Amino acid sequence: MLPREGAEAEDVIAAALTHDGVDIRRRCTVRSVSSEFGLAGSAILEDGTTVEFERMLVAVGKTPNTSELGLDLACVDTDASGYVVVTDTLRTSAERIWAAGDVTGLGHFTHTAGVNASIAAANAILGLRRTADRRVVPRVTFTQPEVAAVGIHDDDTSTARHRVVTVQHRDLDRAITESESQGFTRVVFDRTGVVIGATIVGPRAGESLAEVTLAVKQKMTASQLSGTTHPPIRPTTMRCGMPACRSPVNNSAAECSASLSGRWPEFGAPACGEPHVTDGVINTTSPDHARVKA
């Protein structure tokens, strides 16, 4: 359902939809569809199962509609898929033409199109050389709970180069108090403690991701985030993400610290509890129950 966001995020959303009465069939292919009058009908799955429906909605994705614009006459190049080819400053192959939005293929998001349109306009009209950010592009799926992510995904990490810290919201008192304990916050750090990615699944996850997006953009460390005094906000927004930026290991666990880091001060204040290793995951008895994926 959510191939870009990982299996754990997908499982949370699937469970929420199932709880709402949605019949979900994952990882299966529709073999054929029959319908009367183009409305209600039935779909036959690859395993032979028949699913009746009243209306069918099909997600077919997006393709650029540039073939009839005559771009070749303006000397504007497109790639094999029809996207307009642009430089980092969003200039096309035609010296006096800039492009922004879905037509460039730089992320099919409203917020990306808005930012890049501003950059293209400033460069075209004012003669500036501002560049579009292809590295830090946040995204939000507005399910309930929301799924938000930015930067490197934990599926693309390696234990030699990254640290992945996961906090389950069911372990946080504030989330429990509001009965909104579904989901998790996962932050990815490089070996020096710089925040390079995050995935948040929970209520208003898109709002929570804003601060992490800035951290990834500015190459901030975990200690800079966790050491910043935050105002009182709704319990299950950014508050849930802060434990992921704190060290889950104290000074009595030097052997664990050495194997994972060597620079644990970059990860903020030490935890209060004694860590133990289970299935390759370091758990502590700290109030935040932070977990580090080894």
Protein backbone atom coordinates (compact mmCIF):
# COMPACT_ATOMS: atom_id res chain seq x y z
CA MET A 1 0.00 0.00 0.00
CA LEU A 2 2.79 2.39 0.92
CA PRO A 3 5.88 0.94 -0.75
CA ARG A 4 8.00 4.05 -0.21
CA GLU A 5 7.40 4.21 3.54
CA GLY A 6 8.36 0.69 4.61
CA ALA A 7 6.57 -2.37 5.91
CA GLU A 8 6.07 -1.12 9.49
CA ALA A 9 4.33 2.07 8.40
CA GLU A 10 2.21 0.07 5.98
CA ASP A 11 1.21 -2.34 8.76
CA VAL A 12 0.06 0.52 10.99
CA ILE A 13 -2.14 2.00 8.27
CA ALA A 14 -3.48 -1.41 7.28
CA ALA A 15 -4.45 -2.10 10.89
CA ALA A 16 -6.20 1.27 11.16
CA LEU A 17 -8.15 0.70 7.94
CA THR A 18 -9.09 -2.82 8.99
CA HIS A 19 -10.34 -1.44 12.31
CA ASP A 20 -12.56 0.94 10.33
CA GLY A 21 -14.09 -1.99 8.45
CA VAL A 22 -12.03 -1.87 5.25
CA ASP A 23 -11.32 -5.23 3.60
CA ILE A 24 -7.69 -5.03 2.51
CA ARG A 25 -6.06 -7.45 0.07
CA ARG A 26 -2.37 -6.72 -0.04
CA ARG A 27 0.24 -7.94 -2.49
CA CYS A 28 -2.24 -9.46 -4.91
CA THR A 29 -2.98 -8.83 -8.56
CA VAL A 30 -6.35 -8.28 -10.21
CA ARG A 31 -6.63 -10.76 -13.07
CA SER A 32 -9.84 -9.49 -14.64
CA VAL A 33 -12.76 -7.11 -14.08
CA SER A 34 -16.36 -7.45 -15.23
CA SER A 35 -19.05 -4.80 -14.93
CA GLU A 36 -22.56 -4.07 -16.09
CA PHE A 37 -23.23 -0.59 -17.42
CA GLY A 38 -19.75 0.47 -16.32
CA LEU A 39 -20.67 0.76 -12.63
CA ALA A 40 -21.03 -2.16 -10.19
CA GLY A 41 -19.25 -5.39 -10.98
CA SER A 42 -16.70 -7.89 -9.75
CA ALA A 43 -12.95 -8.32 -9.85
CA ILE A 44 -11.22 -11.68 -10.00
CA LEU A 45 -7.91 -11.83 -8.16
CA GLU A 46 -4.90 -13.93 -9.16
CA ASP A 47 -5.80 -16.59 -6.59
CA GLY A 48 -9.27 -16.99 -8.10
CA THR A 49 -11.08 -15.00 -5.40
CA THR A 50 -13.98 -12.84 -6.60
CA VAL A 51 -14.48 -9.40 -5.03
CA GLU A 52 -17.74 -7.57 -5.65
CA PHE A 53 -17.76 -3.78 -5.93
CA GLU A 54 -20.20 -0.93 -6.46
CA ARG A 55 -17.61 1.50 -7.80
CA MET A 56 -13.98 0.95 -8.75
CA LEU A 57 -11.27 3.57 -8.24
CA VAL A 58 -7.93 2.85 -9.88
CA ALA A 59 -4.69 4.67 -9.03
CA VAL A 60 -2.80 4.94 -12.30
CA GLY A 61 -0.10 7.43 -11.34
CA LYS A 62 1.00 10.53 -13.23
CA THR A 63 2.62 11.08 -16.60
CA PRO A 64 3.65 14.43 -18.10
CA ASN A 65 1.36 15.75 -20.82
CA THR A 66 4.01 17.49 -22.91
CA SER A 67 3.91 15.69 -26.23
CA GLU A 68 1.67 18.28 -27.94
CA LEU A 69 3.20 21.45 -26.53
CA GLY A 70 5.69 21.86 -29.35
CA LEU A 71 8.58 22.06 -26.92
CA ASP A 72 11.00 20.93 -29.60
CA LEU A 73 10.20 24.10 -31.55
CA ALA A 74 11.31 26.14 -28.54
CA CYS A 75 14.44 23.98 -28.16
CA VAL A 76 13.22 22.63 -24.80
CA ASP A 77 14.48 19.09 -24.22
CA THR A 78 12.43 16.35 -22.54
CA ASP A 79 13.53 12.95 -21.30
CA ALA A 80 12.24 9.58 -22.48
CA SER A 81 9.21 9.84 -20.18
CA GLY A 82 8.26 13.30 -21.37
CA TYR A 83 9.52 15.30 -18.36
CA VAL A 84 11.15 18.65 -19.09
CA VAL A 85 14.88 18.44 -18.43
CA VAL A 86 16.09 21.20 -16.09
CA THR A 87 19.32 22.18 -14.37
CA ASP A 88 19.64 22.75 -10.62
CA THR A 89 18.54 26.35 -11.24
CA LEU A 90 15.45 25.02 -13.09
CA ARG A 91 16.61 26.42 -16.41
CA THR A 92 15.64 24.29 -19.42
CA SER A 93 17.79 23.60 -22.46
CA ALA A 94 16.38 26.85 -23.88
CA GLU A 95 18.39 29.67 -22.33
CA ARG A 96 15.39 31.92 -21.58
CA ILE A 97 12.93 29.29 -20.39
CA TRP A 98 12.64 27.89 -16.86
CA ALA A 99 10.28 25.17 -15.65
CA ALA A 100 8.87 24.04 -12.29
CA GLY A 101 6.26 21.65 -10.94
CA ASP A 102 5.24 18.12 -11.87
CA VAL A 103 6.36 18.65 -15.47
CA THR A 104 10.00 18.53 -14.31
CA GLY A 105 9.63 15.26 -12.42
CA LEU A 106 11.28 16.71 -9.29
CA GLY A 107 8.74 15.23 -6.89
CA HIS A 108 5.00 15.22 -7.56
CA PHE A 109 4.10 17.29 -4.52
CA THR A 110 2.23 20.56 -4.16
CA HIS A 111 4.80 21.97 -1.74
CA THR A 112 7.69 21.04 -4.05
CA ALA A 113 5.97 22.73 -7.00
CA GLY A 114 5.36 25.87 -4.93
CA VAL A 115 8.95 26.20 -3.73
CA ASN A 116 10.42 25.44 -7.15
CA ALA A 117 8.07 27.88 -8.86
CA SER A 118 9.37 30.62 -6.59
CA ILE A 119 12.95 29.65 -7.40
CA ALA A 120 12.31 29.54 -11.14
CA ALA A 121 10.55 32.91 -11.11
CA ALA A 122 13.31 34.58 -9.09
CA ASN A 123 15.99 33.17 -11.37
CA ALA A 124 14.15 34.10 -14.56
CA ILE A 125 13.09 37.62 -13.57
CA LEU A 126 15.79 38.75 -11.16
CA GLY A 127 18.71 36.93 -12.72
CA LEU A 128 19.48 34.98 -9.55
CA ARG A 129 21.02 31.51 -9.41
CA ARG A 130 19.02 29.88 -6.66
CA THR A 131 18.97 26.09 -6.83
CA ALA A 132 16.23 23.54 -6.24
CA ASP A 133 16.80 21.12 -3.38
CA ARG A 134 16.63 17.56 -4.69
CA ARG A 135 17.97 16.04 -1.45
CA VAL A 136 15.50 17.17 1.23
CA VAL A 137 11.95 16.67 -0.02
CA PRO A 138 9.43 15.91 2.75
CA ARG A 139 6.25 13.97 1.97
CA VAL A 140 3.05 13.27 3.88
CA THR A 141 0.31 10.72 3.29
CA PHE A 142 -2.89 12.04 4.86
CA THR A 143 -4.25 8.81 6.25
CA GLN A 144 -5.37 8.43 9.84
CA PRO A 145 -2.84 8.24 11.39
CA GLU A 146 -0.68 10.26 9.01
CA VAL A 147 2.57 8.97 7.52
CA ALA A 148 5.34 11.53 7.03
CA ALA A 149 8.94 11.04 5.90
CA VAL A 150 12.00 12.97 4.77
CA GLY A 151 15.57 12.17 3.82
CA ILE A 152 17.11 8.72 3.83
CA HIS A 153 14.81 5.79 4.60
CA ASP A 154 15.83 3.20 7.18
CA ASP A 155 15.60 0.48 4.51
CA ASP A 156 18.53 2.21 2.78
CA THR A 157 20.76 2.30 5.85
CA SER A 158 23.74 0.17 6.85
CA THR A 159 25.00 -0.53 10.36
CA ALA A 160 28.49 0.60 9.33
CA ARG A 161 27.37 4.08 8.27
CA HIS A 162 24.11 4.88 10.05
CA ARG A 163 22.23 4.68 13.32
CA VAL A 164 18.47 4.15 13.34
CA VAL A 165 16.53 5.10 16.48
CA THR A 166 12.88 4.09 16.82
CA VAL A 167 10.38 5.20 19.45
CA GLN A 168 7.04 3.41 19.54
CA HIS A 169 4.27 5.85 20.49
CA ARG A 170 2.55 3.18 22.57
CA ASP A 171 5.45 3.56 25.04
CA LEU A 172 4.91 7.32 25.53
CA ASP A 173 2.74 8.51 28.39
CA ARG A 174 1.44 11.55 26.52
CA ALA A 175 0.32 9.49 23.54
CA ILE A 176 -1.34 6.99 25.87
CA THR A 177 -3.13 9.79 27.74
CA GLU A 178 -4.72 11.03 24.52
CA SER A 179 -5.51 7.49 23.31
CA GLU A 180 -3.47 8.16 20.19
CA SER A 181 -0.70 5.63 20.66
CA GLN A 182 -0.70 4.20 17.15
CA GLY A 183 2.49 4.62 15.18
CA PHE A 184 6.13 5.38 15.79
CA THR A 185 8.90 7.92 15.23
CA ARG A 186 12.08 6.74 13.53
CA VAL A 187 15.12 8.97 13.03
CA VAL A 188 18.21 8.10 10.99
CA PHE A 189 21.63 9.55 11.94
CA ASP A 190 24.99 9.31 10.27
CA ARG A 191 28.01 8.18 12.29
CA THR A 192 28.66 11.69 13.60
CA GLY A 193 25.13 12.15 14.95
CA VAL A 194 23.79 14.34 12.13
CA VAL A 195 20.11 13.85 11.36
CA ILE A 196 19.75 12.58 7.79
CA GLY A 197 16.23 11.17 7.68
CA ALA A 198 13.05 10.38 9.58
CA THR A 199 9.71 8.60 9.33
CA ILE A 200 6.81 9.53 11.60
CA VAL A 201 3.53 7.63 11.75
CA GLY A 202 0.93 9.20 14.01
CA PRO A 203 -1.61 12.00 14.44
CA ARG A 204 -0.45 15.23 12.75
CA ALA A 205 2.77 13.54 11.65
CA GLY A 206 3.15 16.12 8.88
CA GLU A 207 3.35 18.90 11.47
CA SER A 208 5.92 16.95 13.47
CA LEU A 209 8.04 16.38 10.38
CA ALA A 210 8.59 20.11 9.80
CA GLU A 211 11.25 20.40 12.50
CA VAL A 212 13.00 17.23 11.38
CA THR A 213 13.00 18.49 7.79
CA LEU A 214 14.79 21.64 8.92
CA ALA A 215 17.26 19.49 10.88
CA VAL A 216 18.05 17.40 7.80
CA LYS A 217 18.36 20.51 5.63
CA GLN A 218 20.71 22.28 8.06
CA LYS A 219 22.61 19.09 8.97
CA MET A 220 21.81 19.44 12.65
CA THR A 221 22.89 16.88 15.25
CA ALA A 222 20.72 14.97 17.68
CA SER A 223 22.10 16.92 20.62
CA GLN A 224 21.15 20.22 18.97
CA LEU A 225 17.58 19.02 18.57
CA SER A 226 17.17 17.39 21.97
CA GLY A 227 18.99 20.26 23.70
CA THR A 228 16.55 22.85 22.37
CA THR A 229 13.77 23.96 24.71
CA HIS A 230 10.46 23.34 22.96
CA PRO A 231 7.19 25.07 23.89
CA PRO A 232 4.34 23.01 25.32
CA ILE A 233 2.48 21.50 22.38
CA ARG A 234 -0.08 18.81 21.85
CA PRO A 235 1.38 15.65 23.36
CA THR A 236 1.35 13.46 20.30
CA THR A 237 3.00 15.84 17.84
CA MET A 238 6.71 16.72 17.98
CA ARG A 239 6.95 15.67 21.63
CA CYS A 240 6.82 12.05 20.49
CA GLY A 241 9.85 12.57 18.30
CA MET A 242 12.16 14.03 20.92
CA PRO A 243 13.01 10.72 22.67
CA ALA A 244 14.38 9.45 19.36
CA CYS A 245 17.02 12.18 19.55
CA ARG A 246 18.28 11.22 23.00
CA SER A 247 20.96 8.70 23.83
CA PRO A 248 19.55 5.33 24.90
CA VAL A 249 22.82 4.26 26.53
CA ASN A 250 24.37 5.49 29.77
CA ASN A 251 27.95 5.50 30.94
CA SER A 252 27.73 2.03 32.51
CA ALA A 253 27.27 0.45 29.08
CA ALA A 254 30.60 1.39 27.55
CA GLU A 255 30.79 -1.80 25.52
CA CYS A 256 27.42 -1.08 23.88
CA SER A 257 28.33 2.56 23.35
CA ALA A 258 31.62 1.67 21.70
CA SER A 259 30.02 -0.78 19.30
CA LEU A 260 27.40 1.68 18.16
CA SER A 261 29.07 5.02 18.24
CA GLY A 262 32.10 6.37 19.99
CA ARG A 263 30.45 9.80 19.96
CA TRP A 264 27.39 9.30 22.16
CA PRO A 265 27.61 12.91 23.50
CA GLU A 266 26.30 13.92 20.07
CA PHE A 267 23.07 12.19 21.01
CA GLY A 268 22.15 14.42 23.92
CA ALA A 269 21.61 13.55 27.57
CA PRO A 270 22.11 9.90 28.64
CA ALA A 271 19.15 7.77 29.59
CA CYS A 272 18.33 6.82 33.18
CA GLY A 273 17.99 3.08 32.79
CA GLU A 274 20.30 0.12 32.34
CA PRO A 275 20.34 -1.18 28.75
CA HIS A 276 20.06 -4.79 27.65
CA VAL A 277 20.36 -6.34 24.22
CA THR A 278 17.53 -8.35 22.69
CA ASP A 279 17.42 -9.52 19.08
CA GLY A 280 19.98 -6.95 17.97
CA VAL A 281 18.05 -4.06 19.52
CA ILE A 282 19.28 -2.10 22.52
CA ASN A 283 16.43 -1.37 24.95
CA THR A 284 16.59 0.76 28.07
CA THR A 285 14.31 1.31 31.02
CA SER A 286 14.41 5.06 30.55
CA PRO A 287 11.12 6.95 30.71
CA ASP A 288 11.21 7.39 26.95
CA HIS A 289 11.88 3.72 26.20
CA ALA A 290 14.11 4.65 23.31
CA ARG A 291 15.28 1.83 21.08
CA VAL A 292 18.33 1.74 18.87
CA LYS A 293 18.47 -0.62 15.92
CA ALA A 294 21.99 -2.02 15.88
